[in-house]
PDB file of N, CA and C in Angstrom:
ATOM      1  N   MET A   1      62.985  92.318 109.655  1.00  0.00           N
ATOM      2  CA  MET A   1      62.953  93.449 108.744  1.00  0.00           C
ATOM      3  C   MET A   1      63.659  94.670 109.327  1.00  0.00           C
ATOM      4  N   GLU A   2      63.436  94.942 110.591  1.00  0.00           N
ATOM      5  CA  GLU A   2      64.042  96.108 111.236  1.00  0.00           C
ATOM      6  C   GLU A   2      65.570  95.993 111.232  1.00  0.00           C
ATOM      7  N   PHE A   3      66.079  94.787 111.502  1.00  0.00           N
ATOM      8  CA  PHE A   3      67.522  94.580 111.504  1.00  0.00           C
ATOM      9  C   PHE A   3      68.105  94.905 110.131  1.00  0.00           C
ATOM     10  N   ARG A   4      67.484  94.406 109.084  1.00  0.00           N
ATOM     11  CA  ARG A   4      67.968  94.627 107.724  1.00  0.00           C
ATOM     12  C   ARG A   4      67.975  96.119 107.391  1.00  0.00           C
ATOM     13  N   ARG A   5      66.922  96.821 107.751  1.00  0.00           N
ATOM     14  CA  ARG A   5      66.831  98.256 107.483  1.00  0.00           C
ATOM     15  C   ARG A   5      67.934  99.011 108.218  1.00  0.00           C
ATOM     16  N   LEU A   6      68.132  98.660 109.500  1.00  0.00           N
ATOM     17  CA  LEU A   6      69.170  99.336 110.285  1.00  0.00           C
ATOM     18  C   LEU A   6      70.568  99.017 109.754  1.00  0.00           C
ATOM     19  N   ARG A   7      70.787  97.768 109.342  1.00  0.00           N
ATOM     20  CA  ARG A   7      72.084  97.391 108.781  1.00  0.00           C
ATOM     21  C   ARG A   7      72.355  98.171 107.496  1.00  0.00           C
ATOM     22  N   ASP A   8      71.362  98.252 106.619  1.00  0.00           N
ATOM     23  CA  ASP A   8      71.511  99.012 105.377  1.00  0.00           C
ATOM     24  C   ASP A   8      71.756 100.487 105.656  1.00  0.00           C
ATOM     25  N   LEU A   9      71.031 101.016 106.638  1.00  0.00           N
ATOM     26  CA  LEU A   9      71.213 102.417 107.013  1.00  0.00           C
ATOM     27  C   LEU A   9      72.634 102.654 107.514  1.00  0.00           C
ATOM     28  N   LEU A  10      73.130 101.753 108.354  1.00  0.00           N
ATOM     29  CA  LEU A  10      74.488 101.875 108.881  1.00  0.00           C
ATOM     30  C   LEU A  10      75.524 101.795 107.758  1.00  0.00           C
ATOM     31  N   LYS A  11      75.346 100.861 106.838  1.00  0.00           N
ATOM     32  CA  LYS A  11      76.279 100.743 105.710  1.00  0.00           C
ATOM     33  C   LYS A  11      76.301 102.025 104.883  1.00  0.00           C
ATOM     34  N   ASN A  12      75.133 102.561 104.601  1.00  0.00           N
ATOM     35  CA  ASN A  12      75.061 103.790 103.807  1.00  0.00           C
ATOM     36  C   ASN A  12      75.688 104.966 104.539  1.00  0.00           C
ATOM     37  N   GLU A  13      75.410 105.085 105.830  1.00  0.00           N
ATOM     38  CA  GLU A  13      75.992 106.181 106.615  1.00  0.00           C
ATOM     39  C   GLU A  13      77.510 106.046 106.696  1.00  0.00           C
ATOM     40  N   THR A  14      77.995 104.819 106.824  1.00  0.00           N
ATOM     41  CA  THR A  14      79.441 104.583 106.883  1.00  0.00           C
ATOM     42  C   THR A  14      80.102 104.974 105.562  1.00  0.00           C
ATOM     43  N   LYS A  15      79.502 104.562 104.449  1.00  0.00           N
ATOM     44  CA  LYS A  15      80.043 104.928 103.132  1.00  0.00           C
ATOM     45  C   LYS A  15      80.051 106.441 102.947  1.00  0.00           C
ATOM     46  N   LEU A  16      78.967 107.088 103.354  1.00  0.00           N
ATOM     47  CA  LEU A  16      78.864 108.540 103.220  1.00  0.00           C
ATOM     48  C   LEU A  16      79.915 109.247 104.073  1.00  0.00           C
ATOM     49  N   ALA A  17      80.075 108.787 105.321  1.00  0.00           N
ATOM     50  CA  ALA A  17      81.069 109.400 106.209  1.00  0.00           C
ATOM     51  C   ALA A  17      82.477 109.225 105.650  1.00  0.00           C
ATOM     52  N   TYR A  18      82.785 108.044 105.133  1.00  0.00           N
ATOM     53  CA  TYR A  18      84.113 107.802 104.582  1.00  0.00           C
ATOM     54  C   TYR A  18      84.341 108.631 103.320  1.00  0.00           C
ATOM     55  N   ALA A  19      83.319 108.740 102.477  1.00  0.00           N
ATOM     56  CA  ALA A  19      83.433 109.565 101.267  1.00  0.00           C
ATOM     57  C   ALA A  19      83.674 111.022 101.638  1.00  0.00           C
ATOM     58  N   ASN A  20      82.982 111.512 102.666  1.00  0.00           N
ATOM     59  CA  ASN A  20      83.200 112.889 103.129  1.00  0.00           C
ATOM     60  C   ASN A  20      84.612 113.066 103.676  1.00  0.00           C
ATOM     61  N   TYR A  21      85.098 112.054 104.395  1.00  0.00           N
ATOM     62  CA  TYR A  21      86.458 112.101 104.925  1.00  0.00           C
ATOM     63  C   TYR A  21      87.471 112.166 103.780  1.00  0.00           C
ATOM     64  N   GLN A  22      87.286 111.333 102.758  1.00  0.00           N
ATOM     65  CA  GLN A  22      88.193 111.343 101.614  1.00  0.00           C
ATOM     66  C   GLN A  22      88.164 112.694 100.905  1.00  0.00           C
ATOM     67  N   LYS A  23      86.982 113.269 100.756  1.00  0.00           N
ATOM     68  CA  LYS A  23      86.868 114.582 100.115  1.00  0.00           C
ATOM     69  C   LYS A  23      87.596 115.645 100.923  1.00  0.00           C
ATOM     70  N   SER A  24      87.477 115.578 102.257  1.00  0.00           N
ATOM     71  CA  SER A  24      88.151 116.589 103.078  1.00  0.00           C
ATOM     72  C   SER A  24      89.664 116.435 102.994  1.00  0.00           C
ATOM     73  N   VAL A  25      90.149 115.194 102.949  1.00  0.00           N
ATOM     74  CA  VAL A  25      91.593 114.962 102.802  1.00  0.00           C
ATOM     75  C   VAL A  25      92.056 115.491 101.453  1.00  0.00           C
ATOM     76  N   GLU A  26      91.282 115.214 100.395  1.00  0.00           N
ATOM     77  CA  GLU A  26      91.634 115.693  99.051  1.00  0.00           C
ATOM     78  C   GLU A  26      91.641 117.215  98.998  1.00  0.00           C
ATOM     79  N   ALA A  27      90.665 117.843  99.649  1.00  0.00           N
ATOM     80  CA  ALA A  27      90.575 119.303  99.631  1.00  0.00           C
ATOM     81  C   ALA A  27      91.713 119.942 100.421  1.00  0.00           C
ATOM     82  N   ASP A  28      92.225 119.233 101.436  1.00  0.00           N
ATOM     83  CA  ASP A  28      93.267 119.790 102.301  1.00  0.00           C
ATOM     84  C   ASP A  28      94.682 119.530 101.804  1.00  0.00           C
ATOM     85  N   ILE A  29      94.833 118.848 100.672  1.00  0.00           N
ATOM     86  CA  ILE A  29      96.179 118.479 100.216  1.00  0.00           C
ATOM     87  C   ILE A  29      97.088 119.697 100.097  1.00  0.00           C
ATOM     88  N   THR A  30      96.607 120.755  99.476  1.00  0.00           N
ATOM     89  CA  THR A  30      97.476 121.920  99.288  1.00  0.00           C
ATOM     90  C   THR A  30      97.647 122.709 100.575  1.00  0.00           C
ATOM     91  N   ILE A  31      96.649 122.669 101.448  1.00  0.00           N
ATOM     92  CA  ILE A  31      96.709 123.431 102.696  1.00  0.00           C
ATOM     93  C   ILE A  31      97.470 122.673 103.772  1.00  0.00           C
ATOM     94  N   ASN A  32      97.206 121.378 103.881  1.00  0.00           N
ATOM     95  CA  ASN A  32      97.791 120.578 104.945  1.00  0.00           C
ATOM     96  C   ASN A  32      98.261 119.232 104.392  1.00  0.00           C
ATOM     97  N   PRO A  33      99.429 119.198 103.734  1.00  0.00           N
ATOM     98  CA  PRO A  33      99.904 117.946 103.144  1.00  0.00           C
ATOM     99  C   PRO A  33     100.143 116.851 104.178  1.00  0.00           C
ATOM    100  N   LYS A  34     100.413 117.234 105.436  1.00  0.00           N
ATOM    101  CA  LYS A  34     100.641 116.219 106.465  1.00  0.00           C
ATOM    102  C   LYS A  34      99.407 115.357 106.681  1.00  0.00           C
ATOM    103  N   SER A  35      98.216 115.964 106.603  1.00  0.00           N
ATOM    104  CA  SER A  35      97.001 115.162 106.788  1.00  0.00           C
ATOM    105  C   SER A  35      96.846 114.171 105.644  1.00  0.00           C
ATOM    106  N   PHE A  36      97.246 114.562 104.432  1.00  0.00           N
ATOM    107  CA  PHE A  36      97.192 113.639 103.297  1.00  0.00           C
ATOM    108  C   PHE A  36      98.119 112.453 103.538  1.00  0.00           C
ATOM    109  N   TRP A  37      99.347 112.725 103.984  1.00  0.00           N
ATOM    110  CA  TRP A  37     100.293 111.638 104.205  1.00  0.00           C
ATOM    111  C   TRP A  37      99.869 110.775 105.382  1.00  0.00           C
ATOM    112  N   ARG A  38      99.214 111.358 106.391  1.00  0.00           N
ATOM    113  CA  ARG A  38      98.661 110.542 107.477  1.00  0.00           C
ATOM    114  C   ARG A  38      97.626 109.572 106.910  1.00  0.00           C
ATOM    115  N   PHE A  39      96.780 110.081 106.018  1.00  0.00           N
ATOM    116  CA  PHE A  39      95.764 109.242 105.375  1.00  0.00           C
ATOM    117  C   PHE A  39      96.429 108.122 104.580  1.00  0.00           C
ATOM    118  N   ILE A  40      97.428 108.460 103.781  1.00  0.00           N
ATOM    119  CA  ILE A  40      98.128 107.452 102.975  1.00  0.00           C
ATOM    120  C   ILE A  40      98.799 106.424 103.879  1.00  0.00           C
ATOM    121  N   ASN A  41      99.520 106.895 104.897  1.00  0.00           N
ATOM    122  CA  ASN A  41     100.234 105.977 105.783  1.00  0.00           C
ATOM    123  C   ASN A  41      99.289 105.098 106.589  1.00  0.00           C
ATOM    124  N   SER A  42      98.109 105.593 106.904  1.00  0.00           N
ATOM    125  CA  SER A  42      97.152 104.773 107.651  1.00  0.00           C
ATOM    126  C   SER A  42      96.618 103.633 106.796  1.00  0.00           C
ATOM    127  N   HIS A  43      96.775 103.728 105.501  1.00  0.00           N
ATOM    128  CA  HIS A  43      96.322 102.679 104.597  1.00  0.00           C
ATOM    129  C   HIS A  43      97.494 101.898 104.007  1.00  0.00           C
ATOM    130  N   LYS A  44      98.645 101.988 104.646  1.00  0.00           N
ATOM    131  CA  LYS A  44      99.853 101.365 104.113  1.00  0.00           C
ATOM    132  C   LYS A  44      99.928  99.866 104.369  1.00  0.00           C
ATOM    133  N   SER A  45      98.986  99.297 105.114  1.00  0.00           N
ATOM    134  CA  SER A  45      99.070  97.867 105.389  1.00  0.00           C
ATOM    135  C   SER A  45      99.053  97.072 104.087  1.00  0.00           C
ATOM    136  N   SER A  46      98.566  97.690 103.054  1.00  0.00           N
ATOM    137  CA  SER A  46      98.552  97.057 101.741  1.00  0.00           C
ATOM    138  C   SER A  46      99.315  97.950 100.773  1.00  0.00           C
ATOM    139  N   SER A  47     100.205  97.345 100.005  1.00  0.00           N
ATOM    140  CA  SER A  47     100.985  98.148  99.063  1.00  0.00           C
ATOM    141  C   SER A  47     100.388  98.104  97.663  1.00  0.00           C
ATOM    142  N   ARG A  48      99.202  97.525  97.541  1.00  0.00           N
ATOM    143  CA  ARG A  48      98.604  97.422  96.214  1.00  0.00           C
ATOM    144  C   ARG A  48      97.820  98.683  95.877  1.00  0.00           C
ATOM    145  N   ILE A  49      97.525  98.838  94.621  1.00  0.00           N
ATOM    146  CA  ILE A  49      96.691  99.944  94.154  1.00  0.00           C
ATOM    147  C   ILE A  49      95.266  99.638  94.593  1.00  0.00           C
ATOM    148  N   PRO A  50      94.530 100.636  95.094  1.00  0.00           N
ATOM    149  CA  PRO A  50      93.154 100.357  95.517  1.00  0.00           C
ATOM    150  C   PRO A  50      92.309  99.851  94.348  1.00  0.00           C
ATOM    151  N   GLY A  51      91.299  99.057  94.659  1.00  0.00           N
ATOM    152  CA  GLY A  51      90.438  98.489  93.635  1.00  0.00           C
ATOM    153  C   GLY A  51      89.597  99.526  92.923  1.00  0.00           C
ATOM    154  N   ASN A  52      89.244 100.574  93.644  1.00  0.00           N
ATOM    155  CA  ASN A  52      88.515 101.685  93.025  1.00  0.00           C
ATOM    156  C   ASN A  52      88.843 102.958  93.783  1.00  0.00           C
ATOM    157  N   MET A  53      88.566 104.076  93.148  1.00  0.00           N
ATOM    158  CA  MET A  53      88.870 105.363  93.752  1.00  0.00           C
ATOM    159  C   MET A  53      87.995 106.409  93.082  1.00  0.00           C
ATOM    160  N   VAL A  54      87.582 107.408  93.862  1.00  0.00           N
ATOM    161  CA  VAL A  54      86.823 108.516  93.291  1.00  0.00           C
ATOM    162  C   VAL A  54      87.762 109.710  93.204  1.00  0.00           C
ATOM    163  N   PHE A  55      87.898 110.256  92.006  1.00  0.00           N
ATOM    164  CA  PHE A  55      88.769 111.408  91.786  1.00  0.00           C
ATOM    165  C   PHE A  55      87.984 112.441  91.001  1.00  0.00           C
ATOM    166  N   GLU A  56      87.849 113.618  91.580  1.00  0.00           N
ATOM    167  CA  GLU A  56      87.098 114.719  90.967  1.00  0.00           C
ATOM    168  C   GLU A  56      85.690 114.277  90.568  1.00  0.00           C
ATOM    169  N   GLY A  57      85.067 113.493  91.452  1.00  0.00           N
ATOM    170  CA  GLY A  57      83.688 113.076  91.239  1.00  0.00           C
ATOM    171  C   GLY A  57      83.503 111.910  90.289  1.00  0.00           C
ATOM    172  N   VAL A  58      84.601 111.350  89.778  1.00  0.00           N
ATOM    173  CA  VAL A  58      84.511 110.231  88.834  1.00  0.00           C
ATOM    174  C   VAL A  58      85.071 108.981  89.507  1.00  0.00           C
ATOM    175  N   GLU A  59      84.299 107.892  89.476  1.00  0.00           N
ATOM    176  CA  GLU A  59      84.786 106.640  90.048  1.00  0.00           C
ATOM    177  C   GLU A  59      85.731 105.972  89.057  1.00  0.00           C
ATOM    178  N   LEU A  60      86.921 105.657  89.533  1.00  0.00           N
ATOM    179  CA  LEU A  60      87.938 105.009  88.703  1.00  0.00           C
ATOM    180  C   LEU A  60      88.043 103.550  89.116  1.00  0.00           C
ATOM    181  N   LEU A  61      88.009 102.655  88.151  1.00  0.00           N
ATOM    182  CA  LEU A  61      88.048 101.224  88.438  1.00  0.00           C
ATOM    183  C   LEU A  61      89.290 100.536  87.881  1.00  0.00           C
ATOM    184  N   GLN A  62      89.918 101.135  86.883  1.00  0.00           N
ATOM    185  CA  GLN A  62      91.093 100.529  86.250  1.00  0.00           C
ATOM    186  C   GLN A  62      92.365 100.995  86.956  1.00  0.00           C
ATOM    187  N   PRO A  63      93.292 100.071  87.269  1.00  0.00           N
ATOM    188  CA  PRO A  63      94.525 100.455  87.966  1.00  0.00           C
ATOM    189  C   PRO A  63      95.281 101.591  87.271  1.00  0.00           C
ATOM    190  N   GLN A  64      95.361 101.565  85.943  1.00  0.00           N
ATOM    191  CA  GLN A  64      96.099 102.613  85.228  1.00  0.00           C
ATOM    192  C   GLN A  64      95.431 103.967  85.410  1.00  0.00           C
ATOM    193  N   ASP A  65      94.100 103.999  85.410  1.00  0.00           N
ATOM    194  CA  ASP A  65      93.377 105.257  85.624  1.00  0.00           C
ATOM    195  C   ASP A  65      93.628 105.795  87.026  1.00  0.00           C
ATOM    196  N   ILE A  66      93.674 104.894  88.011  1.00  0.00           N
ATOM    197  CA  ILE A  66      93.917 105.296  89.399  1.00  0.00           C
ATOM    198  C   ILE A  66      95.321 105.868  89.537  1.00  0.00           C
ATOM    199  N   VAL A  67      96.308 105.180  88.973  1.00  0.00           N
ATOM    200  CA  VAL A  67      97.693 105.659  89.023  1.00  0.00           C
ATOM    201  C   VAL A  67      97.811 107.007  88.320  1.00  0.00           C
ATOM    202  N   ASN A  68      97.186 107.144  87.162  1.00  0.00           N
ATOM    203  CA  ASN A  68      97.238 108.411  86.429  1.00  0.00           C
ATOM    204  C   ASN A  68      96.598 109.541  87.220  1.00  0.00           C
ATOM    205  N   SER A  69      95.520 109.246  87.956  1.00  0.00           N
ATOM    206  CA  SER A  69      94.872 110.304  88.739  1.00  0.00           C
ATOM    207  C   SER A  69      95.777 110.772  89.870  1.00  0.00           C
ATOM    208  N   PHE A  70      96.522 109.840  90.502  1.00  0.00           N
ATOM    209  CA  PHE A  70      97.489 110.251  91.520  1.00  0.00           C
ATOM    210  C   PHE A  70      98.550 111.150  90.888  1.00  0.00           C
ATOM    211  N   GLY A  71      99.067 110.743  89.737  1.00  0.00           N
ATOM    212  CA  GLY A  71     100.069 111.559  89.048  1.00  0.00           C
ATOM    213  C   GLY A  71      99.530 112.927  88.682  1.00  0.00           C
ATOM    214  N   HIS A  72      98.298 112.963  88.212  1.00  0.00           N
ATOM    215  CA  HIS A  72      97.672 114.240  87.844  1.00  0.00           C
ATOM    216  C   HIS A  72      97.532 115.140  89.072  1.00  0.00           C
ATOM    217  N   GLN A  73      97.054 114.571  90.177  1.00  0.00           N
ATOM    218  CA  GLN A  73      96.874 115.371  91.393  1.00  0.00           C
ATOM    219  C   GLN A  73      98.210 115.901  91.904  1.00  0.00           C
ATOM    220  N   PHE A  74      99.228 115.041  91.955  1.00  0.00           N
ATOM    221  CA  PHE A  74     100.524 115.493  92.453  1.00  0.00           C
ATOM    222  C   PHE A  74     101.137 116.544  91.535  1.00  0.00           C
ATOM    223  N   SER A  75     100.953 116.410  90.232  1.00  0.00           N
ATOM    224  CA  SER A  75     101.513 117.421  89.328  1.00  0.00           C
ATOM    225  C   SER A  75     100.792 118.755  89.492  1.00  0.00           C
ATOM    226  N   ARG A  76      99.523 118.722  89.887  1.00  0.00           N
ATOM    227  CA  ARG A  76      98.777 119.966  90.108  1.00  0.00           C
ATOM    228  C   ARG A  76      99.207 120.675  91.386  1.00  0.00           C
ATOM    229  N   VAL A  77      99.496 119.902  92.443  1.00  0.00           N
ATOM    230  CA  VAL A  77      99.774 120.529  93.737  1.00  0.00           C
ATOM    231  C   VAL A  77     101.258 120.677  94.028  1.00  0.00           C
ATOM    232  N   PHE A  78     102.113 120.050  93.228  1.00  0.00           N
ATOM    233  CA  PHE A  78     103.548 120.134  93.470  1.00  0.00           C
ATOM    234  C   PHE A  78     104.046 121.548  93.220  1.00  0.00           C
ATOM    235  N   ARG A  79     104.815 122.029  94.142  1.00  0.00           N
ATOM    236  CA  ARG A  79     105.436 123.345  93.997  1.00  0.00           C
ATOM    237  C   ARG A  79     106.949 123.158  94.072  1.00  0.00           C
ATOM    238  N   PRO A  80     107.646 123.388  92.962  1.00  0.00           N
ATOM    239  CA  PRO A  80     109.100 123.231  93.017  1.00  0.00           C
ATOM    240  C   PRO A  80     109.709 124.224  94.003  1.00  0.00           C
ATOM    241  N   THR A  81     110.791 123.807  94.588  1.00  0.00           N
ATOM    242  CA  THR A  81     111.461 124.686  95.538  1.00  0.00           C
ATOM    243  C   THR A  81     111.967 125.928  94.834  1.00  0.00           C
ATOM    244  N   THR A  82     111.870 127.020  95.530  1.00  0.00           N
ATOM    245  CA  THR A  82     112.399 128.252  94.955  1.00  0.00           C
ATOM    246  C   THR A  82     113.916 128.167  94.977  1.00  0.00           C
ATOM    247  N   SER A  83     114.556 128.976  94.196  1.00  0.00           N
ATOM    248  CA  SER A  83     116.011 128.917  94.156  1.00  0.00           C
ATOM    249  C   SER A  83     116.586 129.321  95.512  1.00  0.00           C
ATOM    250  N   ILE A  84     117.639 128.640  95.895  1.00  0.00           N
ATOM    251  CA  ILE A  84     118.281 128.875  97.184  1.00  0.00           C
ATOM    252  C   ILE A  84     119.410 129.869  96.972  1.00  0.00           C
ATOM    253  N   PRO A  85     119.466 130.915  97.794  1.00  0.00           N
ATOM    254  CA  PRO A  85     120.546 131.901  97.637  1.00  0.00           C
ATOM    255  C   PRO A  85     121.916 131.245  97.803  1.00  0.00           C
ATOM    256  N   MET A  86     122.851 131.632  96.978  1.00  0.00           N
ATOM    257  CA  MET A  86     124.192 131.053  97.021  1.00  0.00           C
ATOM    258  C   MET A  86     124.906 131.340  98.335  1.00  0.00           C
ATOM    259  N   ALA A  87     124.513 132.370  99.056  1.00  0.00           N
ATOM    260  CA  ALA A  87     125.164 132.700 100.324  1.00  0.00           C
ATOM    261  C   ALA A  87     125.068 131.543 101.310  1.00  0.00           C
ATOM    262  N   ILE A  88     124.028 130.736 101.200  1.00  0.00           N
ATOM    263  CA  ILE A  88     123.864 129.601 102.101  1.00  0.00           C
ATOM    264  C   ILE A  88     125.002 128.606 101.910  1.00  0.00           C
ATOM    265  N   PHE A  89     125.509 128.484 100.697  1.00  0.00           N
ATOM    266  CA  PHE A  89     126.534 127.497 100.404  1.00  0.00           C
ATOM    267  C   PHE A  89     127.957 128.011 100.644  1.00  0.00           C
ATOM    268  N   ASN A  90     128.113 129.263 100.995  1.00  0.00           N
ATOM    269  CA  ASN A  90     129.454 129.811 101.202  1.00  0.00           C
ATOM    270  C   ASN A  90     130.179 129.161 102.368  1.00  0.00           C
ATOM    271  N   HIS A  91     129.443 128.601 103.324  1.00  0.00           N
ATOM    272  CA  HIS A  91     130.066 128.023 104.511  1.00  0.00           C
ATOM    273  C   HIS A  91     130.118 126.499 104.451  1.00  0.00           C
ATOM    274  N   CYS A  92     129.781 125.942 103.318  1.00  0.00           N
ATOM    275  CA  CYS A  92     129.772 124.483 103.169  1.00  0.00           C
ATOM    276  C   CYS A  92     131.057 124.030 102.493  1.00  0.00           C
ATOM    277  N   PRO A  93     131.597 122.898 102.953  1.00  0.00           N
ATOM    278  CA  PRO A  93     132.771 122.377 102.246  1.00  0.00           C
ATOM    279  C   PRO A  93     132.360 121.907 100.854  1.00  0.00           C
ATOM    280  N   SER A  94     133.247 122.062  99.918  1.00  0.00           N
ATOM    281  CA  SER A  94     132.926 121.640  98.554  1.00  0.00           C
ATOM    282  C   SER A  94     133.559 120.283  98.276  1.00  0.00           C
ATOM    283  N   PHE A  95     132.992 119.587  97.332  1.00  0.00           N
ATOM    284  CA  PHE A  95     133.542 118.309  96.907  1.00  0.00           C
ATOM    285  C   PHE A  95     133.258 118.151  95.422  1.00  0.00           C
ATOM    286  N   ASN A  96     134.020 117.295  94.796  1.00  0.00           N
ATOM    287  CA  ASN A  96     133.860 117.060  93.365  1.00  0.00           C
ATOM    288  C   ASN A  96     133.438 115.619  93.121  1.00  0.00           C
ATOM    289  N   ILE A  97     132.510 115.442  92.227  1.00  0.00           N
ATOM    290  CA  ILE A  97     132.149 114.107  91.761  1.00  0.00           C
ATOM    291  C   ILE A  97     132.816 113.971  90.403  1.00  0.00           C
ATOM    292  N   LEU A  98     133.778 113.071  90.322  1.00  0.00           N
ATOM    293  CA  LEU A  98     134.546 112.957  89.096  1.00  0.00           C
ATOM    294  C   LEU A  98     133.701 112.396  87.958  1.00  0.00           C
ATOM    295  N   HIS A  99     133.139 111.200  88.168  1.00  0.00           N
ATOM    296  CA  HIS A  99     132.353 110.593  87.101  1.00  0.00           C
ATOM    297  C   HIS A  99     131.446 109.524  87.704  1.00  0.00           C
ATOM    298  N   VAL A 100     130.185 109.581  87.380  1.00  0.00           N
ATOM    299  CA  VAL A 100     129.231 108.559  87.801  1.00  0.00           C
ATOM    300  C   VAL A 100     128.553 108.053  86.541  1.00  0.00           C
ATOM    301  N   SER A 101     128.738 106.773  86.272  1.00  0.00           N
ATOM    302  CA  SER A 101     128.146 106.201  85.061  1.00  0.00           C
ATOM    303  C   SER A 101     126.770 105.610  85.377  1.00  0.00           C
ATOM    304  N   ILE A 102     126.044 105.279  84.345  1.00  0.00           N
ATOM    305  CA  ILE A 102     124.745 104.623  84.509  1.00  0.00           C
ATOM    306  C   ILE A 102     124.931 103.288  85.216  1.00  0.00           C
ATOM    307  N   ASP A 103     126.003 102.576  84.876  1.00  0.00           N
ATOM    308  CA  ASP A 103     126.277 101.291  85.531  1.00  0.00           C
ATOM    309  C   ASP A 103     126.516 101.475  87.024  1.00  0.00           C
ATOM    310  N   ASP A 104     127.202 102.566  87.414  1.00  0.00           N
ATOM    311  CA  ASP A 104     127.414 102.852  88.833  1.00  0.00           C
ATOM    312  C   ASP A 104     126.081 103.043  89.551  1.00  0.00           C
ATOM    313  N   VAL A 105     125.185 103.779  88.917  1.00  0.00           N
ATOM    314  CA  VAL A 105     123.875 104.038  89.512  1.00  0.00           C
ATOM    315  C   VAL A 105     123.087 102.743  89.636  1.00  0.00           C
ATOM    316  N   ILE A 106     123.057 101.949  88.580  1.00  0.00           N
ATOM    317  CA  ILE A 106     122.313 100.682  88.598  1.00  0.00           C
ATOM    318  C   ILE A 106     122.889  99.739  89.644  1.00  0.00           C
ATOM    319  N   SER A 107     124.197  99.652  89.712  1.00  0.00           N
ATOM    320  CA  SER A 107     124.842  98.782  90.689  1.00  0.00           C
ATOM    321  C   SER A 107     124.499  99.216  92.113  1.00  0.00           C
ATOM    322  N   SER A 108     124.576 100.499  92.375  1.00  0.00           N
ATOM    323  CA  SER A 108     124.263 101.004  93.715  1.00  0.00           C
ATOM    324  C   SER A 108     122.784 100.846  94.041  1.00  0.00           C
ATOM    325  N   ALA A 109     121.930 101.092  93.060  1.00  0.00           N
ATOM    326  CA  ALA A 109     120.489 100.970  93.294  1.00  0.00           C
ATOM    327  C   ALA A 109     120.103  99.528  93.585  1.00  0.00           C
ATOM    328  N   SER A 110     120.758  98.574  92.942  1.00  0.00           N
ATOM    329  CA  SER A 110     120.420  97.165  93.169  1.00  0.00           C
ATOM    330  C   SER A 110     120.807  96.709  94.572  1.00  0.00           C
ATOM    331  N   LYS A 111     121.690  97.439  95.235  1.00  0.00           N
ATOM    332  CA  LYS A 111     122.097  97.091  96.595  1.00  0.00           C
ATOM    333  C   LYS A 111     121.170  97.679  97.658  1.00  0.00           C
ATOM    334  N   LEU A 112     120.259  98.567  97.246  1.00  0.00           N
ATOM    335  CA  LEU A 112     119.339  99.180  98.197  1.00  0.00           C
ATOM    336  C   LEU A 112     118.304  98.172  98.661  1.00  0.00           C
ATOM    337  N   LYS A 113     117.918  98.293  99.920  1.00  0.00           N
ATOM    338  CA  LYS A 113     116.893  97.410 100.468  1.00  0.00           C
ATOM    339  C   LYS A 113     115.527  97.889  99.988  1.00  0.00           C
ATOM    340  N   CYS A 114     114.748  96.980  99.466  1.00  0.00           N
ATOM    341  CA  CYS A 114     113.403  97.311  98.994  1.00  0.00           C
ATOM    342  C   CYS A 114     112.408  96.963 100.091  1.00  0.00           C
ATOM    343  N   ASP A 115     111.671  97.963 100.589  1.00  0.00           N
ATOM    344  CA  ASP A 115     110.681  97.687 101.632  1.00  0.00           C
ATOM    345  C   ASP A 115     109.266  97.802 101.090  1.00  0.00           C
ATOM    346  N   MET A 116     109.099  97.595  99.799  1.00  0.00           N
ATOM    347  CA  MET A 116     107.783  97.662  99.161  1.00  0.00           C
ATOM    348  C   MET A 116     107.153  96.268  99.104  1.00  0.00           C
ATOM    349  N   THR A 117     107.166  95.550 100.201  1.00  0.00           N
ATOM    350  CA  THR A 117     106.579  94.203 100.203  1.00  0.00           C
ATOM    351  C   THR A 117     105.252  94.190 100.877  1.00  0.00           C
TER     352      THR A 117
END
């Protein structure tokens, strides 16, 4: 009986600690995006969508809901770059792109190595 109680206690404490860790990573996204990417990269051994996820206190179980929550979070915290002063480009060589078609883009994209395996 004691073993079972201690095992259950350990499981609950582990879940609680991990949930607190996830909350702290979520809270730090806007302040410290590097910690968020460290968290993501540490879980990169699998390229699949997680089976479940808690977002804003709601447990998400459907893959589409999980993907949408990531999109929602990134759209909330994304800050577009401010306009860059033209003076920065005064010392850069210029070049012209004559014409790039959709077929050119598709052809070039198909030659890229995909590392999402």
